Structure formats: structure tokens, C-alpha cells
């Protein structure tokens, strides 16, 4: 464990950020899972709105620095191809 005052503060900040990042990542994963279930299931009319929600969640995660911007672009591209197989 850290001994210096600045190192103790850094450890506290890292823990707060870790929890916040975990929350954002979990949210993104759940929204993506929801989209994939909609694609596989019978609710094809719900796919476009779920795709937009997934894109938004991934972009927000990238904006916050939780995931890298290129990772976000790759995820969005793959989800779009999955949701629109005829346009790929």
C-alpha cells in the first residue's frame, strides 16, 4: 500500500475511476447483448432502434476514455454489419 500522501490520493482516484469504468463497460456489454438477442429473435422491427442505442453507448464509452476510439469504431462497424447483413 502507498505511504505518501500523493500516492494515497492517487490510489483513491484510481479506485473511483475503476468502478466508474466498470459500470460503463457493463452497460455497453448489456446493450450489445440486447441487440444480438433482437437480431437472433423474432423482433426484427426493434433492431434499428437497438442498433442506434448500441452505437450511442459505444461512442459515449469511447468519449469518456473507457474504451479506445478505434475499438469503438470496430465494435460499431461489426454491429452494423450484423444488423444489416444485406448491405454488407
C-alpha atoms as a PDB file:
ATOM      1  CA  UNK A   1       0.000   0.000   0.000  1.00  0.00           C
ATOM      2  CA  UNK A   2       1.109   3.552  -0.713  1.00  0.00           C
ATOM      3  CA  UNK A   3       2.662   5.640   2.050  1.00  0.00           C
ATOM      4  CA  UNK A   4       2.989   9.124   0.606  1.00  0.00           C
ATOM      5  CA  UNK A   5       0.054  11.497   0.735  1.00  0.00           C
ATOM      6  CA  UNK A   6       0.013  11.953  -3.037  1.00  0.00           C
ATOM      7  CA  UNK A   7       0.218   8.192  -3.634  1.00  0.00           C
ATOM      8  CA  UNK A   8      -2.682   7.574  -1.253  1.00  0.00           C
ATOM      9  CA  UNK A   9      -4.765  10.147  -3.143  1.00  0.00           C
ATOM     10  CA  UNK A  10      -3.796   8.547  -6.470  1.00  0.00           C
ATOM     11  CA  UNK A  11      -4.894   5.132  -5.135  1.00  0.00           C
ATOM     12  CA  UNK A  12      -8.283   6.571  -4.107  1.00  0.00           C
ATOM     13  CA  UNK A  13      -8.754   8.228  -7.502  1.00  0.00           C
ATOM     14  CA  UNK A  14      -7.811   5.032  -9.336  1.00  0.00           C
ATOM     15  CA  UNK A  15     -10.381   3.027  -7.377  1.00  0.00           C
ATOM     16  CA  UNK A  16     -13.155   5.547  -8.124  1.00  0.00           C
ATOM     17  CA  UNK A  17     -12.244   5.542 -11.833  1.00  0.00           C
ATOM     18  CA  UNK A  18     -12.056   1.732 -11.919  1.00  0.00           C
ATOM     19  CA  UNK A  19     -15.601   1.457 -10.566  1.00  0.00           C
ATOM     20  CA  UNK A  20     -16.909   4.101 -12.993  1.00  0.00           C
ATOM     21  CA  UNK A  21     -15.201   2.426 -15.981  1.00  0.00           C
ATOM     22  CA  UNK A  22     -16.560  -0.971 -14.950  1.00  0.00           C
ATOM     23  CA  UNK A  23     -20.078   0.461 -14.853  1.00  0.00           C
ATOM     24  CA  UNK A  24     -19.764   1.957 -18.349  1.00  0.00           C
ATOM     25  CA  UNK A  25     -18.266  -1.247 -19.809  1.00  0.00           C
ATOM     26  CA  UNK A  26     -21.008  -3.379 -18.274  1.00  0.00           C
ATOM     27  CA  UNK A  27     -23.678  -1.066 -19.697  1.00  0.00           C
ATOM     28  CA  UNK A  28     -22.143  -1.318 -23.178  1.00  0.00           C
ATOM     29  CA  UNK A  29     -21.965  -5.123 -22.954  1.00  0.00           C
ATOM     30  CA  UNK A  30     -25.599  -5.404 -21.863  1.00  0.00           C
ATOM     31  CA  UNK A  31     -26.844  -3.135 -24.657  1.00  0.00           C
ATOM     32  CA  UNK A  32     -24.835  -5.105 -27.243  1.00  0.00           C
ATOM     33  CA  UNK A  33     -26.184  -8.380 -25.859  1.00  0.00           C
ATOM     34  CA  UNK A  34     -29.724  -6.979 -26.097  1.00  0.00           C
ATOM     35  CA  UNK A  35     -29.108  -6.047 -29.761  1.00  0.00           C
ATOM     36  CA  UNK A  36     -27.737  -9.500 -30.604  1.00  0.00           C
ATOM     37  CA  UNK A  37     -30.751 -11.136 -28.980  1.00  0.00           C
ATOM     38  CA  UNK A  38     -33.063  -8.907 -31.045  1.00  0.00           C
ATOM     39  CA  UNK A  39     -31.192  -9.848 -34.240  1.00  0.00           C
ATOM     40  CA  UNK A  40     -31.437 -13.578 -33.468  1.00  0.00           C
ATOM     41  CA  UNK A  41     -35.027 -13.378 -32.237  1.00  0.00           C
ATOM     42  CA  UNK A  42     -38.244 -12.548 -33.988  1.00  0.00           C
ATOM     43  CA  UNK A  43     -38.336  -8.838 -33.104  1.00  0.00           C
ATOM     44  CA  UNK A  44     -36.733  -7.612 -36.344  1.00  0.00           C
ATOM     45  CA  UNK A  45     -38.572  -4.277 -36.182  1.00  0.00           C
ATOM     46  CA  UNK A  46     -36.773  -3.417 -32.917  1.00  0.00           C
ATOM     47  CA  UNK A  47     -33.292  -3.943 -34.405  1.00  0.00           C
ATOM     48  CA  UNK A  48     -32.729  -0.414 -35.851  1.00  0.00           C
ATOM     49  CA  UNK A  49     -33.537   1.372 -32.585  1.00  0.00           C
ATOM     50  CA  UNK A  50     -31.437  -1.100 -30.581  1.00  0.00           C
ATOM     51  CA  UNK A  51     -28.576  -0.613 -33.054  1.00  0.00           C
ATOM     52  CA  UNK A  52     -28.754   3.157 -32.519  1.00  0.00           C
ATOM     53  CA  UNK A  53     -28.736   2.666 -28.741  1.00  0.00           C
ATOM     54  CA  UNK A  54     -25.708   0.377 -29.023  1.00  0.00           C
ATOM     55  CA  UNK A  55     -23.850   2.849 -31.259  1.00  0.00           C
ATOM     56  CA  UNK A  56     -24.595   5.642 -28.812  1.00  0.00           C
ATOM     57  CA  UNK A  57     -23.424   3.638 -25.791  1.00  0.00           C
ATOM     58  CA  UNK A  58     -20.182   2.605 -27.510  1.00  0.00           C
ATOM     59  CA  UNK A  59     -19.488   6.184 -28.650  1.00  0.00           C
ATOM     60  CA  UNK A  60     -20.090   7.520 -25.144  1.00  0.00           C
ATOM     61  CA  UNK A  61     -17.720   4.929 -23.683  1.00  0.00           C
ATOM     62  CA  UNK A  62     -15.053   5.994 -26.179  1.00  0.00           C
ATOM     63  CA  UNK A  63     -15.659   9.660 -25.436  1.00  0.00           C
ATOM     64  CA  UNK A  64     -15.159   9.009 -21.723  1.00  0.00           C
ATOM     65  CA  UNK A  65     -11.945   7.111 -22.450  1.00  0.00           C
ATOM     66  CA  UNK A  66     -13.247   3.802 -21.140  1.00  0.00           C
ATOM     67  CA  UNK A  67     -12.535   2.119 -24.473  1.00  0.00           C
ATOM     68  CA  UNK A  68     -10.225   3.268 -27.245  1.00  0.00           C
ATOM     69  CA  UNK A  69     -11.808   5.184 -30.132  1.00  0.00           C
ATOM     70  CA  UNK A  70     -10.660   2.635 -32.703  1.00  0.00           C
ATOM     71  CA  UNK A  71     -12.054  -0.191 -30.607  1.00  0.00           C
ATOM     72  CA  UNK A  72     -15.342   1.697 -30.537  1.00  0.00           C
ATOM     73  CA  UNK A  73     -15.278   2.163 -34.319  1.00  0.00           C
ATOM     74  CA  UNK A  74     -14.578  -1.560 -34.810  1.00  0.00           C
ATOM     75  CA  UNK A  75     -17.423  -2.568 -32.489  1.00  0.00           C
ATOM     76  CA  UNK A  76     -19.888  -0.226 -34.228  1.00  0.00           C
ATOM     77  CA  UNK A  77     -18.818  -1.484 -37.658  1.00  0.00           C
ATOM     78  CA  UNK A  78     -19.269  -5.127 -36.679  1.00  0.00           C
ATOM     79  CA  UNK A  79     -22.631  -4.488 -35.050  1.00  0.00           C
ATOM     80  CA  UNK A  80     -23.839  -2.618 -38.138  1.00  0.00           C
ATOM     81  CA  UNK A  81     -22.795  -5.493 -40.401  1.00  0.00           C
ATOM     82  CA  UNK A  82     -24.524  -7.953 -38.077  1.00  0.00           C
ATOM     83  CA  UNK A  83     -27.744  -5.918 -38.003  1.00  0.00           C
ATOM     84  CA  UNK A  84     -27.770  -5.227 -41.769  1.00  0.00           C
ATOM     85  CA  UNK A  85     -26.383  -8.345 -43.470  1.00  0.00           C
ATOM     86  CA  UNK A  86     -27.863  -7.372 -46.859  1.00  0.00           C
ATOM     87  CA  UNK A  87     -25.958  -4.065 -47.033  1.00  0.00           C
ATOM     88  CA  UNK A  88     -22.572  -5.588 -46.185  1.00  0.00           C
END
